[in-house]
Amino acid sequence: MRKADLKIAVFKAATPSVARTSNLPVEADYGKYRRYLRVDFFFSCAYCTMSEAEAEAIRFTIDHYEPQTARADLVAVYENLMYACDECNTRKGDRYPPEDARKDGYRFFRPDEDIFEQHFAGKDMHLSHRSNVGYYTIHALDLNRKSLQRLRELRLRLLDCDKFITEGITALRNFRIDQLPQTIRARAQRAIKDALNVRDELVTNIDDILRETAKSSLLDLEKDETHAIERAANLKHLEGLYPSSWRASNKRKSKSKQQFS
């Protein structure tokens, strides 16, 4: 198989990142599904992927993919529930793309049905779109807000540190003790054994240091007015292409007026 064909085959074989727990008890109160959602979504936001451990003071909530104001019949349906950080859930609100926009792919990404790589691409700390699903999700939820770019930078630094430590430990494991003078072989063996034992502790310590740095008051994020203006303009342009209500609450008000007119 050619290299290009292999890439295509791997891409097609990819699956959604979230697999929902099956055969759950039916609950009238959707809040009771929270413990299942946390596990199914890996304790992370369905949209920005921020984990509970990374979120610090940001709380996590249950999001209704189809807003409650639009689909009352899906309020307690598990498949309509997403685990989301409060930042994404607040931005999503009752956004409800009209049907003609959805047909063209302008809807929110679903990690339980969609494949991430088909809709998003990343360069440095910036997330870009590969589809209309990706475009709408990025702009509607502001997935390039400064806090998420900082999070991606932190993850990259952690990954680099882990790689460095792993390479060092691998080198120690492969070191030829028999090449050392016999008088220091025993000490060298003990030193290598001690290094192997503290690897996990070292990774954890570096993790903690970077997280503490990320929380420093010196790194408080300022609002990017230019970014906010561009994001609003992109959403306004998209909504102008499909002149219908993009909010579930607005659609409900419109129907109510028609009934009493």
Protein backbone atom coordinates (compact mmCIF):
# COMPACT_ATOMS: atom_id res chain seq x y z
CA MET A 1 0.00 0.00 0.00
CA ARG A 2 1.32 3.44 -0.89
CA LYS A 3 2.04 5.88 1.92
CA ALA A 4 -0.75 8.22 0.76
CA ASP A 5 -3.23 5.32 0.64
CA LEU A 6 -2.17 4.25 4.13
CA LYS A 7 -2.89 7.74 5.49
CA ILE A 8 -6.35 7.70 3.93
CA ALA A 9 -7.06 4.24 5.34
CA VAL A 10 -6.02 5.31 8.85
CA PHE A 11 -8.12 8.47 8.56
CA LYS A 12 -11.21 6.53 7.51
CA ALA A 13 -10.68 4.02 10.30
CA ALA A 14 -10.68 6.74 12.96
CA THR A 15 -13.56 6.72 15.41
CA PRO A 16 -15.22 9.33 17.64
CA SER A 17 -13.31 9.96 20.86
CA VAL A 18 -16.34 9.45 23.11
CA ALA A 19 -18.15 6.11 23.43
CA ARG A 20 -21.26 6.43 25.54
CA THR A 21 -22.14 3.96 28.26
CA SER A 22 -24.99 1.77 27.10
CA ASN A 23 -27.96 0.32 29.01
CA LEU A 24 -28.16 3.16 31.51
CA PRO A 25 -31.17 3.42 33.81
CA VAL A 26 -33.71 5.92 32.47
CA GLU A 27 -33.75 9.05 34.62
CA ALA A 28 -36.39 11.79 34.64
CA ASP A 29 -33.85 14.17 36.21
CA TYR A 30 -30.99 14.63 33.73
CA GLY A 31 -28.69 15.73 36.55
CA LYS A 32 -28.50 12.12 37.70
CA TYR A 33 -26.58 11.29 34.52
CA ARG A 34 -23.66 13.46 35.59
CA ARG A 35 -21.54 10.62 36.98
CA TYR A 36 -21.87 8.68 33.72
CA LEU A 37 -21.11 11.74 31.60
CA ARG A 38 -17.91 12.46 33.53
CA VAL A 39 -16.57 9.00 32.76
CA ASP A 40 -17.78 8.87 29.15
CA PHE A 41 -16.24 12.26 28.37
CA PHE A 42 -12.97 11.45 30.21
CA PHE A 43 -13.65 14.15 32.83
CA SER A 44 -13.16 16.71 30.02
CA CYS A 45 -15.17 19.31 28.14
CA ALA A 46 -16.90 17.94 25.04
CA TYR A 47 -15.96 21.05 23.06
CA CYS A 48 -12.62 22.53 24.17
CA THR A 49 -11.26 19.26 25.73
CA MET A 50 -10.18 21.03 28.94
CA SER A 51 -10.08 18.48 31.76
CA GLU A 52 -11.38 18.95 35.29
CA ALA A 53 -7.78 18.87 36.56
CA GLU A 54 -6.77 21.65 34.17
CA ALA A 55 -9.86 23.79 34.76
CA GLU A 56 -8.91 24.89 38.29
CA ALA A 57 -11.77 27.21 39.33
CA ILE A 58 -13.88 26.67 36.21
CA ARG A 59 -16.83 24.42 37.01
CA PHE A 60 -18.21 21.69 34.75
CA THR A 61 -21.85 21.45 33.76
CA ILE A 62 -24.27 19.29 31.79
CA ASP A 63 -24.93 20.80 28.38
CA HIS A 64 -27.93 20.01 26.21
CA TYR A 65 -26.65 19.62 22.66
CA GLU A 66 -30.12 20.52 21.41
CA PRO A 67 -31.22 23.34 23.75
CA GLN A 68 -33.98 22.66 26.24
CA THR A 69 -35.98 25.59 24.87
CA ALA A 70 -35.95 24.01 21.41
CA ARG A 71 -36.30 20.30 22.18
CA ALA A 72 -38.18 19.72 25.40
CA ASP A 73 -38.51 16.08 24.38
CA LEU A 74 -34.73 15.62 24.66
CA VAL A 75 -34.18 17.30 28.03
CA ALA A 76 -33.54 14.01 29.86
CA VAL A 77 -32.32 11.92 26.92
CA TYR A 78 -28.77 10.79 27.64
CA GLU A 79 -27.60 10.99 24.02
CA ASN A 80 -28.47 14.71 23.98
CA LEU A 81 -26.35 15.47 27.05
CA MET A 82 -22.75 16.65 26.86
CA TYR A 83 -20.22 17.22 29.63
CA ALA A 84 -18.90 20.75 29.22
CA CYS A 85 -16.89 23.38 31.02
CA ASP A 86 -18.90 26.42 32.10
CA GLU A 87 -16.96 28.65 29.68
CA CYS A 88 -18.07 26.68 26.62
CA ASN A 89 -21.57 26.03 27.93
CA THR A 90 -22.13 29.73 28.59
CA ARG A 91 -20.96 30.68 25.09
CA LYS A 92 -23.12 27.97 23.56
CA GLY A 93 -26.20 28.99 25.51
CA ASP A 94 -29.33 28.37 23.45
CA ARG A 95 -27.61 28.72 20.08
CA TYR A 96 -29.66 26.68 17.63
CA PRO A 97 -28.59 26.90 13.96
CA PRO A 98 -31.54 26.95 11.53
CA GLU A 99 -32.27 23.86 9.46
CA ASP A 100 -30.88 25.23 6.18
CA ALA A 101 -27.59 26.11 7.91
CA ARG A 102 -27.37 22.65 9.46
CA LYS A 103 -27.82 21.04 6.06
CA ASP A 104 -24.67 22.89 4.99
CA GLY A 105 -22.82 21.62 8.05
CA TYR A 106 -23.08 24.65 10.34
CA ARG A 107 -23.71 22.96 13.67
CA PHE A 108 -21.79 22.15 16.83
CA PHE A 109 -19.19 19.38 16.91
CA ARG A 110 -20.21 16.16 18.69
CA PRO A 111 -17.31 14.08 20.10
CA ASP A 112 -19.61 11.07 20.43
CA GLU A 113 -20.47 11.06 16.71
CA ASP A 114 -17.88 13.20 14.88
CA ILE A 115 -14.18 12.57 14.32
CA PHE A 116 -12.06 15.45 15.56
CA GLU A 117 -9.44 15.34 12.79
CA GLN A 118 -12.10 15.64 10.10
CA HIS A 119 -13.28 18.98 11.45
CA PHE A 120 -10.27 20.61 13.14
CA ALA A 121 -6.59 21.19 12.55
CA GLY A 122 -4.04 22.71 14.89
CA LYS A 123 -1.04 24.90 14.20
CA ASP A 124 1.04 26.07 17.14
CA MET A 125 -1.56 27.03 19.76
CA HIS A 126 -4.24 28.02 17.25
CA LEU A 127 -7.17 25.80 16.23
CA SER A 128 -8.40 26.02 12.63
CA HIS A 129 -11.30 24.38 10.81
CA ARG A 130 -11.45 21.67 8.17
CA SER A 131 -15.22 21.72 7.81
CA ASN A 132 -18.24 23.94 8.40
CA VAL A 133 -18.83 22.04 11.64
CA GLY A 134 -15.35 23.06 12.78
CA TYR A 135 -15.82 26.65 11.60
CA TYR A 136 -19.06 27.18 13.49
CA THR A 137 -17.87 25.41 16.65
CA ILE A 138 -14.63 27.39 16.80
CA HIS A 139 -16.29 30.79 16.37
CA ALA A 140 -19.47 30.17 18.37
CA LEU A 141 -17.57 28.76 21.36
CA ASP A 142 -14.44 30.89 20.89
CA LEU A 143 -12.12 27.89 20.92
CA ASN A 144 -9.13 30.16 20.30
CA ARG A 145 -9.66 32.26 23.40
CA LYS A 146 -6.44 33.10 25.22
CA SER A 147 -7.03 30.71 28.11
CA LEU A 148 -7.27 27.75 25.71
CA GLN A 149 -4.16 28.82 23.82
CA ARG A 150 -2.37 28.95 27.17
CA LEU A 151 -3.70 25.47 27.98
CA ARG A 152 -2.38 24.08 24.67
CA GLU A 153 1.00 25.65 25.37
CA LEU A 154 1.05 24.08 28.83
CA ARG A 155 0.16 20.67 27.42
CA LEU A 156 2.96 20.94 24.88
CA ARG A 157 5.49 21.83 27.56
CA LEU A 158 4.36 18.90 29.69
CA LEU A 159 4.65 16.59 26.70
CA ASP A 160 8.17 17.82 25.96
CA CYS A 161 9.22 17.33 29.60
CA ASP A 162 7.78 13.83 29.69
CA LYS A 163 9.56 12.98 26.43
CA PHE A 164 12.86 14.30 27.80
CA ILE A 165 12.55 12.27 31.01
CA THR A 166 11.52 9.12 29.13
CA GLU A 167 14.49 9.41 26.79
CA GLY A 168 16.82 9.85 29.74
CA ILE A 169 15.42 6.82 31.56
CA THR A 170 15.63 4.75 28.37
CA ALA A 171 19.28 5.72 28.00
CA LEU A 172 19.95 4.62 31.57
CA ARG A 173 18.25 1.30 31.02
CA ASN A 174 20.37 0.66 27.95
CA PHE A 175 23.61 1.70 29.60
CA ARG A 176 26.26 -1.04 29.62
CA ILE A 177 27.21 -1.44 33.28
CA ASP A 178 29.88 -3.97 32.33
CA GLN A 179 31.82 -1.18 30.57
CA LEU A 180 32.44 0.59 33.89
CA PRO A 181 35.34 -0.17 36.20
CA GLN A 182 34.39 -3.00 38.52
CA THR A 183 34.95 -0.80 41.58
CA ILE A 184 31.98 1.48 40.75
CA ARG A 185 29.59 -0.95 39.03
CA ALA A 186 27.56 -1.60 42.18
CA ARG A 187 27.12 2.13 42.86
CA ALA A 188 26.14 2.75 39.24
CA GLN A 189 23.52 0.00 39.39
CA ARG A 190 22.02 1.49 42.57
CA ALA A 191 21.97 4.98 41.03
CA ILE A 192 20.18 3.76 37.90
CA LYS A 193 17.68 1.82 40.00
CA ASP A 194 16.95 4.93 42.09
CA ALA A 195 16.51 7.03 38.91
CA LEU A 196 14.01 4.54 37.51
CA ASN A 197 12.05 4.57 40.78
CA VAL A 198 11.67 8.37 40.87
CA ARG A 199 10.63 8.79 37.21
CA ASP A 200 6.91 9.07 37.95
CA GLU A 201 7.54 11.40 40.87
CA LEU A 202 9.72 13.62 38.65
CA VAL A 203 7.04 13.85 35.97
CA THR A 204 4.44 14.75 38.61
CA ASN A 205 6.69 17.42 40.12
CA ILE A 206 7.29 19.06 36.75
CA ASP A 207 3.55 18.88 36.07
CA ASP A 208 2.83 20.67 39.37
CA ILE A 209 5.47 23.34 38.75
CA LEU A 210 4.11 24.19 35.30
CA ARG A 211 0.54 24.31 36.57
CA GLU A 212 1.55 26.60 39.41
CA THR A 213 3.31 28.86 36.91
CA ALA A 214 0.21 28.90 34.73
CA LYS A 215 -1.82 30.15 37.71
CA SER A 216 0.61 32.97 38.48
CA SER A 217 -0.92 36.44 38.77
CA LEU A 218 1.84 37.61 36.41
CA LEU A 219 0.16 35.62 33.64
CA ASP A 220 -3.39 36.91 34.03
CA LEU A 221 -4.99 37.01 30.62
CA GLU A 222 -6.14 40.29 29.17
CA LYS A 223 -9.08 40.51 26.80
CA ASP A 224 -8.11 40.52 23.14
CA GLU A 225 -10.44 43.12 21.66
CA THR A 226 -9.28 42.47 18.09
CA HIS A 227 -9.98 38.76 18.45
CA ALA A 228 -13.43 39.46 19.93
CA ILE A 229 -14.34 41.82 17.08
CA GLU A 230 -13.22 39.33 14.43
CA ARG A 231 -15.12 36.49 16.07
CA ALA A 232 -18.33 38.54 16.28
CA ALA A 233 -17.96 39.60 12.64
CA ASN A 234 -17.50 36.01 11.47
CA LEU A 235 -20.64 34.89 13.32
CA LYS A 236 -22.64 37.86 12.06
CA HIS A 237 -21.58 37.15 8.47
CA LEU A 238 -22.54 33.47 8.79
CA GLU A 239 -25.90 34.26 10.34
CA GLY A 240 -26.52 36.75 7.53
CA LEU A 241 -26.16 33.95 4.98
CA TYR A 242 -29.06 32.11 6.62
CA PRO A 243 -31.57 34.81 7.59
CA SER A 244 -33.42 32.97 10.32
CA SER A 245 -33.22 32.87 14.09
CA TRP A 246 -30.06 31.24 15.44
CA ARG A 247 -31.37 31.16 19.02
CA ALA A 248 -33.88 28.66 20.34
CA SER A 249 -35.49 31.22 22.66
CA ASN A 250 -36.09 33.62 19.76
CA LYS A 251 -37.79 30.88 17.75
CA ARG A 252 -40.07 30.06 20.66
CA LYS A 253 -41.02 33.72 21.07
CA SER A 254 -41.74 33.97 17.36
CA LYS A 255 -44.05 30.92 17.47
CA SER A 256 -45.81 32.32 20.52
CA LYS A 257 -46.50 35.63 18.75
CA GLN A 258 -47.89 33.80 15.72
CA GLN A 259 -50.29 31.83 17.91
CA PHE A 260 -51.72 34.96 19.55
CA SER A 261 -51.76 37.20 16.48
